[in-house]
Amino acid sequence: MRELSKAGSTDKCDVLITLYENEDGIEIQLNSPSAFQFGRSIKDEIIATLNNLGVENMKVKVEDNGALDFTIKSRVETAYFRYTQENIDWRKL
């Protein structure tokens, strides 16, 4: 499986998002010390962000260290835009 792009870090209060090719919808692999408590919320945020970007097939590896929802969203968007290399109209995000 080919890695497409990354965004973020493994620092405290951040998240490292890595995107991979996938042909079977959106798949999320979550590693987080708070996965039991916030795992569903983290996955929902990632899915909503990818849906907003029009992504239907992507594997997402998530290394979370306590990131807030707006950080997760921005890291997913950044990784996606690094992958597509498209011009971004920031007013629409």
N, C-alpha and C. Protein backbone atom coordinates (compact mmCIF):
# COMPACT_ATOMS: atom_id res chain seq x y z
N MET A 1 0.84 -1.17 0.00
CA MET A 1 0.00 0.00 0.00
C MET A 1 0.89 1.24 0.00
N ARG A 2 0.63 2.16 -0.91
CA ARG A 2 1.46 3.34 -1.07
C ARG A 2 0.99 4.48 -0.18
N GLU A 3 1.93 5.04 0.58
CA GLU A 3 1.64 6.21 1.41
C GLU A 3 1.50 7.42 0.49
N LEU A 4 0.44 8.19 0.70
CA LEU A 4 0.18 9.34 -0.15
C LEU A 4 0.71 10.64 0.45
N SER A 5 0.43 10.88 1.72
CA SER A 5 0.89 12.10 2.37
C SER A 5 0.70 12.02 3.88
N LYS A 6 1.33 12.99 4.57
CA LYS A 6 1.25 13.09 6.02
C LYS A 6 1.03 14.53 6.43
N ALA A 7 0.47 14.70 7.63
CA ALA A 7 0.36 16.02 8.24
C ALA A 7 0.30 15.84 9.75
N GLY A 8 0.92 16.77 10.46
CA GLY A 8 0.89 16.74 11.92
C GLY A 8 2.14 16.17 12.52
N SER A 9 2.05 15.83 13.81
CA SER A 9 3.19 15.28 14.54
C SER A 9 2.67 14.37 15.66
N THR A 10 3.59 13.73 16.33
CA THR A 10 3.24 12.89 17.47
C THR A 10 3.46 13.62 18.80
N ASP A 11 3.58 14.94 18.73
CA ASP A 11 3.74 15.74 19.94
C ASP A 11 2.45 15.73 20.76
N LYS A 12 2.58 16.09 22.03
CA LYS A 12 1.42 16.17 22.91
C LYS A 12 0.42 17.18 22.35
N CYS A 13 -0.86 16.86 22.42
CA CYS A 13 -1.97 17.69 21.94
C CYS A 13 -1.97 17.86 20.42
N ASP A 14 -1.36 16.92 19.71
CA ASP A 14 -1.36 16.96 18.25
C ASP A 14 -1.74 15.57 17.73
N VAL A 15 -1.83 15.46 16.43
CA VAL A 15 -2.17 14.20 15.79
C VAL A 15 -1.38 14.09 14.50
N LEU A 16 -0.91 12.89 14.20
CA LEU A 16 -0.22 12.61 12.94
C LEU A 16 -1.20 11.83 12.06
N ILE A 17 -1.54 12.42 10.93
CA ILE A 17 -2.45 11.81 9.97
C ILE A 17 -1.63 11.34 8.77
N THR A 18 -1.76 10.08 8.41
CA THR A 18 -1.11 9.53 7.23
C THR A 18 -2.17 8.94 6.32
N LEU A 19 -2.16 9.34 5.06
CA LEU A 19 -3.14 8.86 4.09
C LEU A 19 -2.52 7.80 3.20
N TYR A 20 -3.30 6.77 2.89
CA TYR A 20 -2.89 5.68 2.02
C TYR A 20 -3.97 5.43 0.98
N GLU A 21 -3.56 4.87 -0.14
CA GLU A 21 -4.53 4.46 -1.16
C GLU A 21 -5.43 3.38 -0.59
N ASN A 22 -6.68 3.38 -1.03
CA ASN A 22 -7.64 2.37 -0.60
C ASN A 22 -8.76 2.32 -1.63
N GLU A 23 -9.22 1.15 -1.94
CA GLU A 23 -10.30 0.99 -2.91
C GLU A 23 -11.61 0.57 -2.27
N ASP A 24 -11.62 0.43 -0.95
CA ASP A 24 -12.79 -0.11 -0.25
C ASP A 24 -13.42 0.90 0.70
N GLY A 25 -13.64 2.11 0.25
CA GLY A 25 -14.26 3.12 1.11
C GLY A 25 -13.24 3.78 2.03
N ILE A 26 -13.73 4.38 3.08
CA ILE A 26 -12.87 5.04 4.06
C ILE A 26 -12.61 4.08 5.20
N GLU A 27 -11.32 3.86 5.47
CA GLU A 27 -10.90 2.96 6.54
C GLU A 27 -9.99 3.76 7.48
N ILE A 28 -10.24 3.68 8.78
CA ILE A 28 -9.47 4.45 9.75
C ILE A 28 -8.82 3.50 10.74
N GLN A 29 -7.50 3.65 10.88
CA GLN A 29 -6.73 2.91 11.88
C GLN A 29 -6.32 3.91 12.95
N LEU A 30 -6.89 3.82 14.13
CA LEU A 30 -6.70 4.79 15.19
C LEU A 30 -5.83 4.23 16.30
N ASN A 31 -4.77 4.97 16.62
CA ASN A 31 -3.93 4.68 17.78
C ASN A 31 -3.98 5.92 18.67
N SER A 32 -4.58 5.76 19.86
CA SER A 32 -4.76 6.89 20.75
C SER A 32 -4.90 6.40 22.18
N PRO A 33 -4.26 7.09 23.13
CA PRO A 33 -4.45 6.70 24.53
C PRO A 33 -5.89 6.97 25.00
N SER A 34 -6.61 7.81 24.29
CA SER A 34 -7.99 8.12 24.67
C SER A 34 -9.00 7.50 23.71
N ALA A 35 -8.60 6.46 22.98
CA ALA A 35 -9.48 5.83 21.98
C ALA A 35 -10.75 5.27 22.62
N PHE A 36 -10.65 4.72 23.81
CA PHE A 36 -11.83 4.16 24.46
C PHE A 36 -12.89 5.23 24.70
N GLN A 37 -12.44 6.41 25.14
CA GLN A 37 -13.36 7.47 25.49
C GLN A 37 -13.76 8.33 24.28
N PHE A 38 -12.80 8.63 23.38
CA PHE A 38 -13.06 9.58 22.30
C PHE A 38 -12.89 8.99 20.89
N GLY A 39 -12.64 7.70 20.79
CA GLY A 39 -12.38 7.07 19.50
C GLY A 39 -13.47 7.29 18.47
N ARG A 40 -14.73 7.12 18.87
CA ARG A 40 -15.84 7.31 17.93
C ARG A 40 -15.91 8.75 17.44
N SER A 41 -15.69 9.70 18.35
CA SER A 41 -15.72 11.12 18.00
C SER A 41 -14.58 11.48 17.04
N ILE A 42 -13.40 10.93 17.28
CA ILE A 42 -12.25 11.17 16.39
C ILE A 42 -12.54 10.63 15.00
N LYS A 43 -13.03 9.41 14.93
CA LYS A 43 -13.35 8.80 13.63
C LYS A 43 -14.45 9.57 12.91
N ASP A 44 -15.48 10.00 13.64
CA ASP A 44 -16.56 10.77 13.03
C ASP A 44 -16.04 12.09 12.44
N GLU A 45 -15.13 12.75 13.15
CA GLU A 45 -14.55 14.01 12.66
C GLU A 45 -13.77 13.77 11.37
N ILE A 46 -13.00 12.70 11.33
CA ILE A 46 -12.22 12.38 10.13
C ILE A 46 -13.13 12.05 8.95
N ILE A 47 -14.15 11.25 9.19
CA ILE A 47 -15.08 10.88 8.12
C ILE A 47 -15.82 12.11 7.61
N ALA A 48 -16.28 12.97 8.49
CA ALA A 48 -16.98 14.19 8.08
C ALA A 48 -16.08 15.09 7.25
N THR A 49 -14.83 15.21 7.65
CA THR A 49 -13.88 16.05 6.92
C THR A 49 -13.62 15.48 5.53
N LEU A 50 -13.38 14.18 5.45
CA LEU A 50 -13.15 13.55 4.14
C LEU A 50 -14.39 13.65 3.26
N ASN A 51 -15.57 13.45 3.82
CA ASN A 51 -16.80 13.60 3.05
C ASN A 51 -16.95 15.01 2.51
N ASN A 52 -16.62 16.00 3.33
CA ASN A 52 -16.69 17.40 2.92
C ASN A 52 -15.73 17.68 1.75
N LEU A 53 -14.62 16.95 1.71
CA LEU A 53 -13.63 17.11 0.63
C LEU A 53 -13.99 16.26 -0.60
N GLY A 54 -15.03 15.45 -0.49
CA GLY A 54 -15.46 14.61 -1.61
C GLY A 54 -14.68 13.31 -1.73
N VAL A 55 -14.03 12.89 -0.67
CA VAL A 55 -13.23 11.67 -0.67
C VAL A 55 -14.12 10.47 -0.36
N GLU A 56 -14.04 9.45 -1.19
CA GLU A 56 -14.84 8.24 -0.99
C GLU A 56 -13.99 7.03 -0.63
N ASN A 57 -12.72 7.01 -1.05
CA ASN A 57 -11.83 5.87 -0.82
C ASN A 57 -10.49 6.37 -0.29
N MET A 58 -10.20 6.04 0.97
CA MET A 58 -8.93 6.45 1.56
C MET A 58 -8.72 5.66 2.84
N LYS A 59 -7.49 5.21 3.07
CA LYS A 59 -7.14 4.63 4.37
C LYS A 59 -6.41 5.72 5.15
N VAL A 60 -6.81 5.89 6.40
CA VAL A 60 -6.25 6.94 7.24
C VAL A 60 -5.66 6.30 8.49
N LYS A 61 -4.36 6.51 8.69
CA LYS A 61 -3.72 6.07 9.93
C LYS A 61 -3.62 7.29 10.83
N VAL A 62 -4.09 7.13 12.07
CA VAL A 62 -4.18 8.24 13.01
C VAL A 62 -3.36 7.92 14.25
N GLU A 63 -2.36 8.75 14.53
CA GLU A 63 -1.56 8.65 15.76
C GLU A 63 -1.93 9.86 16.61
N ASP A 64 -2.90 9.70 17.51
CA ASP A 64 -3.43 10.81 18.29
C ASP A 64 -2.76 10.90 19.65
N ASN A 65 -2.48 12.13 20.06
CA ASN A 65 -1.93 12.37 21.39
C ASN A 65 -2.69 13.49 22.08
N GLY A 66 -4.02 13.42 22.01
CA GLY A 66 -4.85 14.38 22.71
C GLY A 66 -5.23 15.60 21.89
N ALA A 67 -5.26 15.48 20.56
CA ALA A 67 -5.61 16.60 19.70
C ALA A 67 -7.10 16.94 19.83
N LEU A 68 -7.42 18.21 19.74
CA LEU A 68 -8.80 18.65 19.73
C LEU A 68 -9.38 18.50 18.33
N ASP A 69 -10.71 18.58 18.23
CA ASP A 69 -11.38 18.30 16.96
C ASP A 69 -10.92 19.23 15.83
N PHE A 70 -10.70 20.52 16.11
CA PHE A 70 -10.28 21.43 15.05
C PHE A 70 -8.86 21.10 14.56
N THR A 71 -8.03 20.55 15.43
CA THR A 71 -6.69 20.14 15.03
C THR A 71 -6.78 18.91 14.14
N ILE A 72 -7.61 17.97 14.51
CA ILE A 72 -7.80 16.76 13.70
C ILE A 72 -8.29 17.14 12.31
N LYS A 73 -9.29 18.01 12.25
CA LYS A 73 -9.84 18.44 10.96
C LYS A 73 -8.77 19.10 10.11
N SER A 74 -8.00 20.02 10.68
CA SER A 74 -6.99 20.73 9.89
C SER A 74 -5.88 19.79 9.43
N ARG A 75 -5.52 18.80 10.23
CA ARG A 75 -4.48 17.85 9.82
C ARG A 75 -4.97 16.96 8.67
N VAL A 76 -6.22 16.53 8.73
CA VAL A 76 -6.78 15.73 7.64
C VAL A 76 -6.82 16.55 6.36
N GLU A 77 -7.30 17.80 6.45
CA GLU A 77 -7.34 18.67 5.27
C GLU A 77 -5.95 18.91 4.70
N THR A 78 -4.98 19.17 5.55
CA THR A 78 -3.61 19.42 5.10
C THR A 78 -3.03 18.20 4.40
N ALA A 79 -3.20 17.03 4.99
CA ALA A 79 -2.69 15.80 4.37
C ALA A 79 -3.35 15.59 3.01
N TYR A 80 -4.64 15.83 2.91
CA TYR A 80 -5.36 15.66 1.65
C TYR A 80 -4.86 16.65 0.60
N PHE A 81 -4.72 17.92 0.97
CA PHE A 81 -4.27 18.92 0.00
C PHE A 81 -2.81 18.71 -0.40
N ARG A 82 -2.00 18.18 0.48
CA ARG A 82 -0.63 17.81 0.09
C ARG A 82 -0.66 16.70 -0.95
N TYR A 83 -1.57 15.78 -0.78
CA TYR A 83 -1.72 14.67 -1.72
C TYR A 83 -2.21 15.16 -3.08
N THR A 84 -3.26 15.96 -3.10
CA THR A 84 -3.84 16.40 -4.37
C THR A 84 -3.06 17.53 -5.02
N GLN A 85 -2.36 18.33 -4.24
CA GLN A 85 -1.59 19.48 -4.71
C GLN A 85 -2.46 20.47 -5.49
N GLU A 86 -3.74 20.54 -5.12
CA GLU A 86 -4.64 21.46 -5.80
C GLU A 86 -4.59 22.84 -5.14
N ASN A 87 -4.97 23.85 -5.90
CA ASN A 87 -5.06 25.19 -5.34
C ASN A 87 -6.24 25.25 -4.38
N ILE A 88 -6.05 25.89 -3.28
CA ILE A 88 -7.04 25.88 -2.21
C ILE A 88 -7.69 27.25 -2.08
N ASP A 89 -9.01 27.27 -2.10
CA ASP A 89 -9.76 28.48 -1.78
C ASP A 89 -10.11 28.39 -0.29
N TRP A 90 -9.29 28.98 0.55
CA TRP A 90 -9.42 28.84 2.00
C TRP A 90 -10.74 29.40 2.51
N ARG A 91 -11.38 30.30 1.75
CA ARG A 91 -12.65 30.88 2.19
C ARG A 91 -13.76 29.83 2.19
N LYS A 92 -13.60 28.77 1.39
CA LYS A 92 -14.65 27.75 1.28
C LYS A 92 -14.53 26.67 2.35
N LEU A 93 -13.44 26.63 3.05
CA LEU A 93 -13.26 25.56 4.04
C LEU A 93 -13.93 25.87 5.34
